[in-house]
């Protein structure tokens, strides 16, 4: 049986976890914008370093179950494709 105390604790936990997840996703989005800007500017070295830091953030988020592992792999694959598009141009 769920009492008011356990429901209140569960709510506190959910708020904390939601904040932690949003912070991690926000960091990924910010890094992705920096990476996209580097790709658009065709700056291969900066794009490569941004990709490395971005993929680390994505892997960390996936490890903490913020992203599903397949979602993380899909995101990294698409980003890597963007990085390789600099060579093609």
N, C-alpha and C. Protein backbone atom coordinates (compact mmCIF):
# COMPACT_ATOMS: atom_id res chain seq x y z
N UNK A 1 0.83 -1.18 0.00
CA UNK A 1 0.00 0.00 0.00
C UNK A 1 0.88 1.25 0.00
N UNK A 2 0.55 2.18 -0.86
CA UNK A 2 1.32 3.41 -0.97
C UNK A 2 0.74 4.45 -0.01
N UNK A 3 1.59 4.97 0.82
CA UNK A 3 1.15 6.01 1.74
C UNK A 3 1.54 7.37 1.20
N UNK A 4 1.10 8.40 1.86
CA UNK A 4 1.44 9.75 1.42
C UNK A 4 2.94 9.99 1.48
N UNK A 5 3.59 9.42 2.48
CA UNK A 5 5.03 9.61 2.63
C UNK A 5 5.81 9.03 1.45
N UNK A 6 5.45 7.82 1.04
CA UNK A 6 6.18 7.20 -0.07
C UNK A 6 5.88 7.91 -1.38
N UNK A 7 4.66 8.38 -1.55
CA UNK A 7 4.32 9.12 -2.77
C UNK A 7 5.08 10.45 -2.82
N UNK A 8 5.23 11.09 -1.69
CA UNK A 8 5.96 12.35 -1.63
C UNK A 8 7.44 12.11 -1.93
N UNK A 9 7.99 11.02 -1.40
CA UNK A 9 9.40 10.71 -1.66
C UNK A 9 9.60 10.40 -3.14
N UNK A 10 8.71 9.63 -3.71
CA UNK A 10 8.80 9.29 -5.13
C UNK A 10 8.75 10.56 -5.98
N UNK A 11 7.90 11.51 -5.59
CA UNK A 11 7.79 12.77 -6.31
C UNK A 11 9.10 13.56 -6.22
N UNK A 12 9.70 13.60 -5.03
CA UNK A 12 10.98 14.30 -4.87
C UNK A 12 12.06 13.65 -5.74
N UNK A 13 12.08 12.32 -5.78
CA UNK A 13 13.06 11.61 -6.59
C UNK A 13 12.87 11.92 -8.07
N UNK A 14 11.60 11.94 -8.51
CA UNK A 14 11.31 12.22 -9.91
C UNK A 14 11.74 13.62 -10.31
N UNK A 15 11.54 14.58 -9.42
CA UNK A 15 11.95 15.95 -9.71
C UNK A 15 13.46 16.04 -9.86
N UNK A 16 14.19 15.39 -8.95
CA UNK A 16 15.65 15.39 -9.02
C UNK A 16 16.16 14.73 -10.30
N UNK A 17 15.58 13.58 -10.63
CA UNK A 17 16.02 12.84 -11.81
C UNK A 17 15.69 13.61 -13.08
N UNK A 18 14.51 14.24 -13.10
CA UNK A 18 14.11 15.02 -14.26
C UNK A 18 15.08 16.17 -14.50
N UNK A 19 15.48 16.83 -13.44
CA UNK A 19 16.43 17.93 -13.55
C UNK A 19 17.78 17.43 -14.06
N UNK A 20 18.24 16.32 -13.52
CA UNK A 20 19.52 15.74 -13.94
C UNK A 20 19.48 15.35 -15.42
N UNK A 21 18.37 14.74 -15.83
CA UNK A 21 18.24 14.32 -17.23
C UNK A 21 18.19 15.53 -18.16
N UNK A 22 17.45 16.57 -17.76
CA UNK A 22 17.35 17.76 -18.60
C UNK A 22 18.71 18.44 -18.74
N UNK A 23 19.49 18.46 -17.66
CA UNK A 23 20.82 19.08 -17.72
C UNK A 23 21.72 18.33 -18.71
N UNK A 24 21.67 17.00 -18.67
CA UNK A 24 22.50 16.20 -19.56
C UNK A 24 22.07 16.39 -21.01
N UNK A 25 20.75 16.39 -21.26
CA UNK A 25 20.26 16.57 -22.63
C UNK A 25 20.58 17.97 -23.14
N UNK A 26 20.51 18.95 -22.26
CA UNK A 26 20.83 20.32 -22.64
C UNK A 26 22.30 20.44 -23.03
N UNK A 27 23.16 19.76 -22.30
CA UNK A 27 24.59 19.78 -22.63
C UNK A 27 24.84 19.15 -24.00
N UNK A 28 24.11 18.08 -24.30
CA UNK A 28 24.24 17.43 -25.61
C UNK A 28 23.78 18.37 -26.71
N UNK A 29 22.65 19.05 -26.49
CA UNK A 29 22.12 19.97 -27.50
C UNK A 29 23.08 21.13 -27.76
N UNK A 30 23.66 21.67 -26.70
CA UNK A 30 24.60 22.77 -26.84
C UNK A 30 25.84 22.33 -27.62
N UNK A 31 26.37 21.16 -27.28
CA UNK A 31 27.55 20.64 -27.98
C UNK A 31 27.21 20.36 -29.44
N UNK A 32 25.99 19.90 -29.69
CA UNK A 32 25.58 19.61 -31.07
C UNK A 32 25.53 20.89 -31.89
N UNK A 33 25.05 21.98 -31.28
CA UNK A 33 25.01 23.26 -32.00
C UNK A 33 26.43 23.74 -32.35
N UNK A 34 27.37 23.58 -31.42
CA UNK A 34 28.76 23.96 -31.69
C UNK A 34 29.34 23.12 -32.82
N UNK A 35 29.04 21.82 -32.78
CA UNK A 35 29.53 20.91 -33.82
C UNK A 35 28.95 21.29 -35.18
N UNK A 36 27.65 21.56 -35.23
CA UNK A 36 26.99 21.92 -36.48
C UNK A 36 27.57 23.23 -37.04
N UNK A 37 27.88 24.17 -36.16
CA UNK A 37 28.47 25.43 -36.61
C UNK A 37 29.84 25.18 -37.22
N UNK A 38 30.62 24.29 -36.63
CA UNK A 38 31.95 23.96 -37.16
C UNK A 38 31.83 23.27 -38.51
N UNK A 39 30.84 22.40 -38.65
CA UNK A 39 30.64 21.70 -39.93
C UNK A 39 30.21 22.70 -41.00
N UNK A 40 29.32 23.60 -40.63
CA UNK A 40 28.83 24.60 -41.59
C UNK A 40 29.97 25.51 -42.05
N UNK A 41 30.90 25.82 -41.14
CA UNK A 41 32.05 26.65 -41.48
C UNK A 41 33.14 25.85 -42.19
N UNK A 42 32.92 24.55 -42.34
CA UNK A 42 33.87 23.63 -42.99
C UNK A 42 35.24 23.62 -42.29
N UNK A 43 35.22 23.81 -40.99
CA UNK A 43 36.44 23.77 -40.18
C UNK A 43 36.61 22.34 -39.66
N UNK A 44 37.37 21.55 -40.39
CA UNK A 44 37.45 20.11 -40.11
C UNK A 44 38.06 19.81 -38.74
N UNK A 45 39.13 20.51 -38.38
CA UNK A 45 39.79 20.23 -37.10
C UNK A 45 38.88 20.57 -35.93
N UNK A 46 38.23 21.72 -35.99
CA UNK A 46 37.32 22.10 -34.90
C UNK A 46 36.13 21.16 -34.84
N UNK A 47 35.62 20.78 -36.02
CA UNK A 47 34.49 19.85 -36.07
C UNK A 47 34.87 18.50 -35.47
N UNK A 48 36.09 18.05 -35.76
CA UNK A 48 36.53 16.75 -35.23
C UNK A 48 36.63 16.80 -33.70
N UNK A 49 37.18 17.89 -33.16
CA UNK A 49 37.30 17.98 -31.70
C UNK A 49 35.92 18.13 -31.05
N UNK A 50 35.02 18.88 -31.70
CA UNK A 50 33.65 19.01 -31.18
C UNK A 50 32.93 17.66 -31.23
N UNK A 51 33.19 16.88 -32.29
CA UNK A 51 32.56 15.57 -32.41
C UNK A 51 33.00 14.65 -31.29
N UNK A 52 34.28 14.69 -30.96
CA UNK A 52 34.81 13.82 -29.91
C UNK A 52 34.16 14.16 -28.57
N UNK A 53 34.08 15.45 -28.25
CA UNK A 53 33.47 15.83 -26.97
C UNK A 53 31.96 15.54 -26.97
N UNK A 54 31.32 15.74 -28.12
CA UNK A 54 29.88 15.47 -28.22
C UNK A 54 29.59 13.98 -28.07
N UNK A 55 30.39 13.14 -28.72
CA UNK A 55 30.12 11.70 -28.59
C UNK A 55 30.39 11.21 -27.18
N UNK A 56 31.32 11.85 -26.48
CA UNK A 56 31.55 11.48 -25.08
C UNK A 56 30.32 11.83 -24.24
N UNK A 57 29.75 13.01 -24.48
CA UNK A 57 28.54 13.41 -23.75
C UNK A 57 27.39 12.45 -24.03
N UNK A 58 27.23 12.06 -25.29
CA UNK A 58 26.14 11.14 -25.67
C UNK A 58 26.36 9.78 -25.01
N UNK A 59 27.60 9.29 -25.03
CA UNK A 59 27.89 7.99 -24.41
C UNK A 59 27.65 8.03 -22.90
N UNK A 60 28.02 9.13 -22.28
CA UNK A 60 27.80 9.27 -20.83
C UNK A 60 26.31 9.26 -20.52
N UNK A 61 25.53 9.98 -21.33
CA UNK A 61 24.08 10.03 -21.13
C UNK A 61 23.47 8.65 -21.35
N UNK A 62 23.96 7.93 -22.33
CA UNK A 62 23.45 6.58 -22.59
C UNK A 62 23.80 5.65 -21.44
N UNK A 63 24.99 5.83 -20.89
CA UNK A 63 25.41 5.00 -19.76
C UNK A 63 24.56 5.22 -18.53
N UNK A 64 24.04 6.44 -18.39
CA UNK A 64 23.17 6.76 -17.26
C UNK A 64 21.70 6.53 -17.57
N UNK A 65 21.44 5.89 -18.71
CA UNK A 65 20.08 5.55 -19.15
C UNK A 65 19.22 6.79 -19.46
N UNK A 66 19.87 7.90 -19.79
CA UNK A 66 19.12 9.09 -20.20
C UNK A 66 18.68 8.91 -21.65
N UNK A 67 19.58 8.35 -22.47
CA UNK A 67 19.25 7.94 -23.83
C UNK A 67 19.33 6.43 -23.89
N UNK A 68 18.46 5.82 -24.69
CA UNK A 68 18.56 4.39 -24.97
C UNK A 68 19.83 4.18 -25.79
N UNK A 69 20.45 3.02 -25.65
CA UNK A 69 21.74 2.79 -26.33
C UNK A 69 21.61 2.89 -27.84
N UNK A 70 20.48 2.46 -28.40
CA UNK A 70 20.29 2.56 -29.86
C UNK A 70 20.09 4.01 -30.29
N UNK A 71 19.42 4.79 -29.45
CA UNK A 71 19.25 6.21 -29.75
C UNK A 71 20.60 6.90 -29.76
N UNK A 72 21.43 6.58 -28.79
CA UNK A 72 22.77 7.17 -28.73
C UNK A 72 23.58 6.77 -29.96
N UNK A 73 23.50 5.52 -30.35
CA UNK A 73 24.24 5.05 -31.52
C UNK A 73 23.74 5.75 -32.79
N UNK A 74 22.44 5.93 -32.90
CA UNK A 74 21.87 6.60 -34.06
C UNK A 74 22.32 8.05 -34.14
N UNK A 75 22.30 8.74 -32.99
CA UNK A 75 22.74 10.13 -32.95
C UNK A 75 24.20 10.25 -33.38
N UNK A 76 25.06 9.39 -32.83
CA UNK A 76 26.48 9.43 -33.16
C UNK A 76 26.72 9.11 -34.63
N UNK A 77 25.95 8.18 -35.16
CA UNK A 77 26.09 7.82 -36.56
C UNK A 77 25.76 8.99 -37.47
N UNK A 78 24.68 9.69 -37.16
CA UNK A 78 24.27 10.84 -37.97
C UNK A 78 25.28 11.97 -37.86
N UNK A 79 25.84 12.16 -36.67
CA UNK A 79 26.84 13.20 -36.49
C UNK A 79 28.12 12.86 -37.25
N UNK A 80 28.48 11.59 -37.24
CA UNK A 80 29.68 11.16 -37.94
C UNK A 80 29.50 11.35 -39.44
N UNK A 81 28.29 11.12 -39.91
CA UNK A 81 27.99 11.34 -41.32
C UNK A 81 28.17 12.82 -41.67
N UNK A 82 27.73 13.71 -40.77
CA UNK A 82 27.93 15.14 -40.98
C UNK A 82 29.42 15.48 -41.04
N UNK A 83 30.19 14.88 -40.16
CA UNK A 83 31.63 15.13 -40.11
C UNK A 83 32.28 14.68 -41.41
N UNK A 84 31.88 13.52 -41.92
CA UNK A 84 32.45 13.02 -43.16
C UNK A 84 32.01 13.82 -44.37
N UNK A 85 30.90 14.56 -44.25
CA UNK A 85 30.42 15.34 -45.38
C UNK A 85 31.37 16.50 -45.68
N UNK A 86 32.20 16.89 -44.71
CA UNK A 86 33.17 17.97 -44.95
C UNK A 86 34.19 17.51 -46.00
N UNK A 87 34.61 16.24 -45.95
CA UNK A 87 35.58 15.70 -46.92
C UNK A 87 34.99 15.65 -48.32
N UNK A 88 33.71 15.30 -48.40
CA UNK A 88 33.06 15.13 -49.70
C UNK A 88 32.94 16.46 -50.45
N UNK A 89 32.93 17.55 -49.73
CA UNK A 89 32.73 18.84 -50.40
C UNK A 89 34.01 19.46 -50.89
